[in-house]
Amino acid sequence: MEEDSLCRSSIGGEEMKGMEKSELRHLFVTVFLSSLSMFLVVPAITDVTIAAVCPGRESCSLAIYLSGFQQAIIGMGTVVMNPVIGNLSDLYGRKALLTFPLTVSIIPLAILAYSRETNFFYAFYVLRTLTAMTCEGSVNCLALAYVADNISERERVSAFGLLSGFFSASFVCGTLAARFLPTSLTFQVAALVSMLAAVYMRIFLEEIRPSDHGDSTLSQPILKGLEPVLERITDDDYSPKTKIEFKKIPSVGDLISLLRSSKTLSQAGIIIFFQSLAEGGMQASVLYFLKARFQFDKNQFADIMLIMGISGAITQASYT
């Protein structure tokens, strides 16, 4: 009886291992296409913004203020919404929640694909701000959660590194495509790729809930208890872990409690904060400075970003 049980367990493990590899391929393609559509427009958006807000001028302080305000609003929105989306994905599945950001991110791109005139730009600006509050970073968060659901803890680091490699590759490919595409086609191609990402994900990615894997240490939503509760989780194979649970929508205090529950988590949060601060500063001001001071256009922006992207991809590959 024990031998039969062990055989069934071994066969099930081999099937799960094969399923993991197949499903992660679809996830990697989805992340690549989604990120590609996002990076396609980055080199061109500075020229488009200035042309719409301050026609005929090389510098425009209003464009910088609008970009900075947008970055601040998006940042505050993601702080609140990403934990909510993560919790909902625990309940309803990663694929169901991935559908939302992949779908709504098409709308702003479609607006500029249709027209880049001032009125359409402001419509893009408003919708981009609203959609990014709920979608900015959520695709990557859900992708990481999907990987964690399907990969054993010992192999997650390499899987996360591979996912980051696809993200870096999309940065390089998107920037390279933007370098050679005319601005008139950039947003049309980006909208098409964004739609392709959503369709591909819905067709090929298999829905797997954390509860499908009984041995997963990530199977409990973080918003479950009425009050924050710290629980020590022990496993025969792994070191003890701390789990914090909430029942309602997370408040600022809940998020602080979550960060304080783990020193590693709080340190990672600090690193990400300063990294995002630097990236946000570049998007909000540096590109506009280069355009005003040196008359850079999207081609020069793309050249700079290519250097950054290729360097990041090489570094990522060396650590994967």
Protein backbone atom coordinates (compact mmCIF):
# COMPACT_ATOMS: atom_id res chain seq x y z
CA MET A 1 0.00 0.00 0.00
CA GLU A 2 2.77 2.40 0.89
CA GLU A 3 4.64 1.55 -2.33
CA ASP A 4 1.50 2.26 -4.41
CA SER A 5 1.07 5.56 -2.62
CA LEU A 6 4.69 6.49 -3.24
CA CYS A 7 4.39 5.55 -6.91
CA ARG A 8 1.27 7.67 -7.36
CA SER A 9 2.98 10.55 -5.56
CA SER A 10 6.05 10.22 -7.78
CA ILE A 11 3.97 10.11 -10.96
CA GLY A 12 1.94 13.09 -9.79
CA GLY A 13 5.14 14.98 -9.04
CA GLU A 14 6.52 14.28 -12.53
CA GLU A 15 3.23 15.41 -14.12
CA MET A 16 3.24 18.55 -12.01
CA LYS A 17 6.84 19.27 -12.97
CA GLY A 18 6.02 18.96 -16.68
CA MET A 19 2.90 21.10 -16.28
CA GLU A 20 4.92 23.76 -14.50
CA LYS A 21 7.35 24.15 -17.38
CA SER A 22 4.59 24.32 -19.98
CA GLU A 23 2.52 26.86 -18.08
CA LEU A 24 5.48 29.07 -17.24
CA ARG A 25 6.32 29.33 -20.93
CA HIS A 26 2.90 30.85 -21.54
CA LEU A 27 3.35 33.16 -18.58
CA PHE A 28 6.73 34.35 -19.84
CA VAL A 29 5.27 35.12 -23.28
CA THR A 30 2.41 37.04 -21.67
CA VAL A 31 4.77 39.12 -19.53
CA PHE A 32 7.06 39.74 -22.50
CA LEU A 33 4.24 40.99 -24.75
CA SER A 34 2.65 43.09 -22.02
CA SER A 35 5.96 44.74 -21.10
CA LEU A 36 6.86 45.18 -24.77
CA SER A 37 3.73 47.24 -25.38
CA MET A 38 4.57 49.42 -22.38
CA PHE A 39 8.21 50.05 -23.32
CA LEU A 40 7.38 50.76 -26.95
CA VAL A 41 5.84 54.12 -26.06
CA VAL A 42 8.36 55.34 -23.47
CA PRO A 43 10.87 56.95 -25.88
CA ALA A 44 8.09 58.67 -27.85
CA ILE A 45 5.83 59.90 -25.05
CA THR A 46 8.02 62.92 -24.23
CA ASP A 47 7.79 64.29 -27.78
CA VAL A 48 4.07 63.56 -27.91
CA THR A 49 3.42 65.27 -24.58
CA ILE A 50 5.28 68.46 -25.48
CA ALA A 51 3.71 68.58 -28.94
CA ALA A 52 0.23 68.29 -27.41
CA VAL A 53 0.68 70.57 -24.38
CA CYS A 54 3.08 73.18 -25.82
CA PRO A 55 2.91 72.99 -29.64
CA GLY A 56 5.95 74.31 -31.47
CA ARG A 57 8.20 74.45 -28.40
CA GLU A 58 11.21 72.37 -27.34
CA SER A 59 10.69 72.92 -23.60
CA CYS A 60 7.50 72.95 -21.58
CA SER A 61 7.32 73.26 -17.80
CA LEU A 62 3.63 72.30 -17.84
CA ALA A 63 4.52 68.93 -19.36
CA ILE A 64 6.99 68.29 -16.53
CA TYR A 65 4.40 69.23 -13.89
CA LEU A 66 1.79 66.99 -15.53
CA SER A 67 4.21 64.05 -15.68
CA GLY A 68 5.30 64.51 -12.07
CA PHE A 69 1.70 64.78 -10.86
CA GLN A 70 0.79 61.66 -12.82
CA GLN A 71 3.69 59.70 -11.33
CA ALA A 72 2.69 60.74 -7.80
CA ILE A 73 -0.98 59.78 -8.26
CA ILE A 74 -0.07 56.46 -9.86
CA GLY A 75 2.36 55.69 -7.04
CA MET A 76 -0.22 56.35 -4.31
CA GLY A 77 -2.79 54.29 -6.16
CA THR A 78 -0.54 51.28 -6.59
CA VAL A 79 0.40 51.27 -2.90
CA VAL A 80 -3.26 50.67 -2.06
CA MET A 81 -4.42 48.64 -5.06
CA ASN A 82 -1.62 46.11 -5.52
CA PRO A 83 -2.24 44.38 -2.15
CA VAL A 84 -5.97 44.31 -2.94
CA ILE A 85 -5.37 42.79 -6.38
CA GLY A 86 -3.01 40.26 -4.85
CA ASN A 87 -5.60 39.24 -2.27
CA LEU A 88 -8.32 38.94 -4.90
CA SER A 89 -6.03 36.74 -6.97
CA ASP A 90 -5.71 34.42 -3.97
CA LEU A 91 -9.49 34.08 -3.97
CA TYR A 92 -10.35 34.09 -7.68
CA GLY A 93 -7.14 32.97 -9.36
CA ARG A 94 -4.14 34.61 -11.00
CA LYS A 95 -5.50 34.36 -14.54
CA ALA A 96 -8.78 36.06 -13.66
CA LEU A 97 -6.97 39.00 -12.10
CA LEU A 98 -4.36 39.18 -14.87
CA THR A 99 -7.20 39.72 -17.34
CA PHE A 100 -8.11 43.07 -15.78
CA PRO A 101 -4.80 44.97 -16.09
CA LEU A 102 -3.99 43.44 -19.47
CA THR A 103 -7.37 44.53 -20.82
CA VAL A 104 -7.71 48.04 -19.43
CA SER A 105 -4.12 48.95 -20.38
CA ILE A 106 -5.18 48.71 -24.02
CA ILE A 107 -7.53 51.70 -23.77
CA PRO A 108 -5.00 54.56 -23.28
CA LEU A 109 -2.77 53.18 -26.04
CA ALA A 110 -5.72 52.90 -28.41
CA ILE A 111 -6.54 56.59 -27.87
CA LEU A 112 -3.11 57.80 -28.97
CA ALA A 113 -3.07 55.18 -31.72
CA TYR A 114 -6.16 56.92 -33.11
CA SER A 115 -4.94 60.53 -32.72
CA ARG A 116 -2.23 62.48 -30.91
CA GLU A 117 -4.02 65.84 -30.97
CA THR A 118 -4.32 67.85 -27.76
CA ASN A 119 -7.84 66.71 -26.83
CA PHE A 120 -6.98 63.07 -27.39
CA PHE A 121 -3.75 63.47 -25.43
CA TYR A 122 -5.60 64.77 -22.38
CA ALA A 123 -8.06 61.88 -22.66
CA PHE A 124 -5.05 59.56 -22.76
CA TYR A 125 -3.51 61.35 -19.78
CA VAL A 126 -6.61 60.93 -17.60
CA LEU A 127 -7.26 57.32 -18.55
CA ARG A 128 -3.59 56.41 -18.28
CA THR A 129 -3.51 57.83 -14.75
CA LEU A 130 -6.66 55.98 -13.69
CA THR A 131 -5.73 52.65 -15.24
CA ALA A 132 -2.12 52.76 -14.04
CA MET A 133 -3.32 53.26 -10.45
CA THR A 134 -4.72 49.74 -10.59
CA CYS A 135 -2.48 48.17 -13.24
CA GLU A 136 1.02 49.60 -12.70
CA GLY A 137 3.12 46.73 -11.44
CA SER A 138 0.17 44.38 -10.93
CA VAL A 139 1.07 42.24 -13.96
CA ASN A 140 4.54 41.59 -12.55
CA CYS A 141 3.17 40.96 -9.04
CA LEU A 142 0.62 38.45 -10.32
CA ALA A 143 3.24 36.82 -12.55
CA LEU A 144 5.54 36.36 -9.55
CA ALA A 145 2.64 34.89 -7.57
CA TYR A 146 1.85 32.51 -10.44
CA VAL A 147 5.45 31.34 -10.52
CA ALA A 148 5.42 30.84 -6.74
CA ASP A 149 2.25 28.75 -7.04
CA ASN A 150 3.81 26.40 -9.58
CA ILE A 151 7.47 26.17 -8.57
CA SER A 152 8.90 24.60 -5.44
CA GLU A 153 10.53 26.98 -3.00
CA ARG A 154 14.01 25.71 -3.75
CA GLU A 155 13.65 26.60 -7.45
CA ARG A 156 11.79 29.89 -7.16
CA VAL A 157 14.85 32.14 -7.18
CA SER A 158 15.98 30.87 -10.59
CA ALA A 159 12.41 31.08 -11.91
CA PHE A 160 12.09 34.66 -10.66
CA GLY A 161 15.40 35.46 -12.32
CA LEU A 162 14.17 33.99 -15.59
CA LEU A 163 11.00 36.07 -15.36
CA SER A 164 13.11 39.19 -14.78
CA GLY A 165 15.18 38.21 -17.79
CA PHE A 166 12.08 38.21 -20.00
CA PHE A 167 11.14 41.59 -18.56
CA SER A 168 14.59 42.98 -19.40
CA ALA A 169 14.41 41.45 -22.88
CA SER A 170 11.06 43.17 -23.46
CA PHE A 171 12.66 46.47 -22.42
CA VAL A 172 15.44 46.04 -24.99
CA CYS A 173 13.12 44.84 -27.77
CA GLY A 174 10.51 47.53 -27.10
CA THR A 175 13.09 50.30 -27.01
CA LEU A 176 14.80 48.99 -30.15
CA ALA A 177 11.47 48.85 -31.99
CA ALA A 178 10.64 52.39 -30.87
CA ARG A 179 14.04 53.52 -32.18
CA PHE A 180 13.13 52.55 -35.75
CA LEU A 181 9.34 52.94 -35.78
CA PRO A 182 7.93 56.36 -36.70
CA THR A 183 5.94 58.04 -33.95
CA SER A 184 2.77 57.70 -36.02
CA LEU A 185 3.05 53.90 -35.84
CA THR A 186 4.50 53.51 -32.35
CA PHE A 187 1.20 53.70 -30.47
CA GLN A 188 -0.64 51.60 -33.04
CA VAL A 189 1.91 48.81 -32.71
CA ALA A 190 1.88 49.13 -28.91
CA ALA A 191 -1.92 48.85 -28.79
CA LEU A 192 -1.81 45.81 -31.08
CA VAL A 193 0.84 44.08 -28.97
CA SER A 194 -1.12 44.87 -25.79
CA MET A 195 -4.24 43.27 -27.27
CA LEU A 196 -2.17 40.27 -28.36
CA ALA A 197 -0.88 39.84 -24.80
CA ALA A 198 -4.42 39.79 -23.37
CA VAL A 199 -5.70 37.34 -26.01
CA TYR A 200 -2.68 35.05 -25.67
CA MET A 201 -3.04 34.94 -21.89
CA ARG A 202 -6.76 34.11 -22.04
CA ILE A 203 -6.22 31.32 -24.57
CA PHE A 204 -3.05 29.60 -23.38
CA LEU A 205 -2.47 30.36 -19.71
CA GLU A 206 -4.04 27.79 -17.40
CA GLU A 207 -5.86 28.99 -14.30
CA ILE A 208 -4.32 27.63 -11.12
CA ARG A 209 -5.38 28.77 -7.68
CA PRO A 210 -3.03 28.56 -4.71
CA SER A 211 -5.49 26.17 -3.06
CA ASP A 212 -4.83 23.68 -5.86
CA HIS A 213 -1.45 22.99 -4.24
CA GLY A 214 -2.03 21.82 -0.73
CA ASP A 215 1.65 22.06 0.17
CA SER A 216 2.03 25.68 -0.88
CA THR A 217 3.19 28.01 1.85
CA LEU A 218 1.64 30.89 -0.09
CA SER A 219 -1.91 29.54 -0.14
CA GLN A 220 -3.47 31.91 2.40
CA PRO A 221 -4.68 35.43 1.47
CA ILE A 222 -3.04 38.17 3.52
CA LEU A 223 -6.41 39.89 4.15
CA LYS A 224 -8.19 37.13 6.00
CA GLY A 225 -8.39 37.89 9.70
CA LEU A 226 -10.26 40.82 11.26
CA GLU A 227 -7.13 42.02 13.03
CA PRO A 228 -3.49 41.51 12.11
CA VAL A 229 -2.49 38.07 13.37
CA LEU A 230 1.03 36.76 13.39
CA GLU A 231 1.32 33.01 12.96
CA ARG A 232 4.41 30.90 12.89
CA ILE A 233 4.40 28.39 10.06
CA THR A 234 6.75 25.45 10.24
CA ASP A 235 7.50 22.88 7.59
CA ASP A 236 9.64 19.79 7.77
CA ASP A 237 11.66 20.96 4.75
CA TYR A 238 11.76 24.70 5.23
CA SER A 239 12.59 27.21 7.93
CA PRO A 240 9.78 28.83 9.95
CA LYS A 241 7.93 31.69 8.29
CA THR A 242 5.77 34.51 9.56
CA LYS A 243 2.31 35.00 8.06
CA ILE A 244 0.20 38.11 8.63
CA GLU A 245 -3.50 38.14 7.81
CA PHE A 246 -6.18 40.79 7.40
CA LYS A 247 -9.81 40.50 6.52
CA LYS A 248 -10.68 43.91 5.14
CA ILE A 249 -9.21 46.18 2.50
CA PRO A 250 -5.71 47.05 3.75
CA SER A 251 -5.24 50.41 5.40
CA VAL A 252 -1.92 52.21 5.71
CA GLY A 253 -1.57 50.70 9.18
CA ASP A 254 -2.14 47.22 7.77
CA LEU A 255 0.57 47.73 5.17
CA ILE A 256 2.98 49.00 7.82
CA SER A 257 2.20 45.95 9.99
CA LEU A 258 2.84 43.69 7.01
CA LEU A 259 6.22 45.31 6.39
CA ARG A 260 7.14 45.10 10.08
CA SER A 261 6.29 41.39 10.17
CA SER A 262 9.43 40.60 8.19
CA LYS A 263 12.80 42.32 8.26
CA THR A 264 13.59 40.98 4.80
CA LEU A 265 10.31 42.30 3.42
CA SER A 266 10.87 45.75 4.91
CA GLN A 267 14.42 45.90 3.52
CA ALA A 268 13.18 44.88 0.08
CA GLY A 269 10.48 47.56 0.31
CA ILE A 270 13.07 50.25 1.07
CA ILE A 271 15.22 49.19 -1.88
CA ILE A 272 12.24 49.19 -4.25
CA PHE A 273 11.14 52.61 -2.96
CA PHE A 274 14.44 54.28 -3.79
CA GLN A 275 14.72 52.45 -7.11
CA SER A 276 11.23 53.61 -8.08
CA LEU A 277 12.06 57.13 -6.90
CA ALA A 278 15.02 57.25 -9.29
CA GLU A 279 13.05 55.79 -12.21
CA GLY A 280 10.14 58.15 -11.59
CA GLY A 281 12.48 61.12 -11.50
CA MET A 282 13.93 60.12 -14.85
CA GLN A 283 10.53 59.76 -16.46
CA ALA A 284 9.19 62.97 -14.95
CA SER A 285 12.08 65.34 -15.61
CA VAL A 286 15.32 64.01 -17.12
CA LEU A 287 13.91 63.25 -20.56
CA TYR A 288 12.32 66.70 -20.72
CA PHE A 289 15.62 68.27 -19.67
CA LEU A 290 17.50 66.43 -22.42
CA LYS A 291 14.96 67.56 -24.99
CA ALA A 292 15.08 71.20 -23.86
CA ARG A 293 18.86 71.39 -23.42
CA PHE A 294 20.12 69.18 -26.25
CA GLN A 295 17.02 68.91 -28.50
CA PHE A 296 16.89 65.14 -28.06
CA ASP A 297 14.04 63.27 -29.73
CA LYS A 298 12.71 59.74 -29.35
CA ASN A 299 15.68 58.27 -31.24
CA GLN A 300 18.22 59.68 -28.80
CA PHE A 301 16.01 58.69 -25.86
CA ALA A 302 15.87 55.16 -27.28
CA ASP A 303 19.66 55.04 -27.65
CA ILE A 304 20.14 55.93 -23.99
CA MET A 305 17.53 53.41 -22.87
CA LEU A 306 19.06 50.69 -25.04
CA ILE A 307 22.39 51.10 -23.27
CA MET A 308 20.61 50.80 -19.92
CA GLY A 309 18.47 47.86 -21.04
CA ILE A 310 21.27 45.82 -22.61
CA SER A 311 23.45 46.33 -19.55
CA GLY A 312 20.59 45.23 -17.29
CA ALA A 313 19.84 42.17 -19.42
CA ILE A 314 23.48 41.06 -19.40
CA THR A 315 23.69 41.54 -15.65
CA GLN A 316 20.44 39.63 -15.11
CA ALA A 317 21.59 36.76 -17.31
CA SER A 318 24.84 36.45 -15.38
CA TYR A 319 22.94 35.98 -12.09
CA THR A 320 20.19 33.68 -13.41
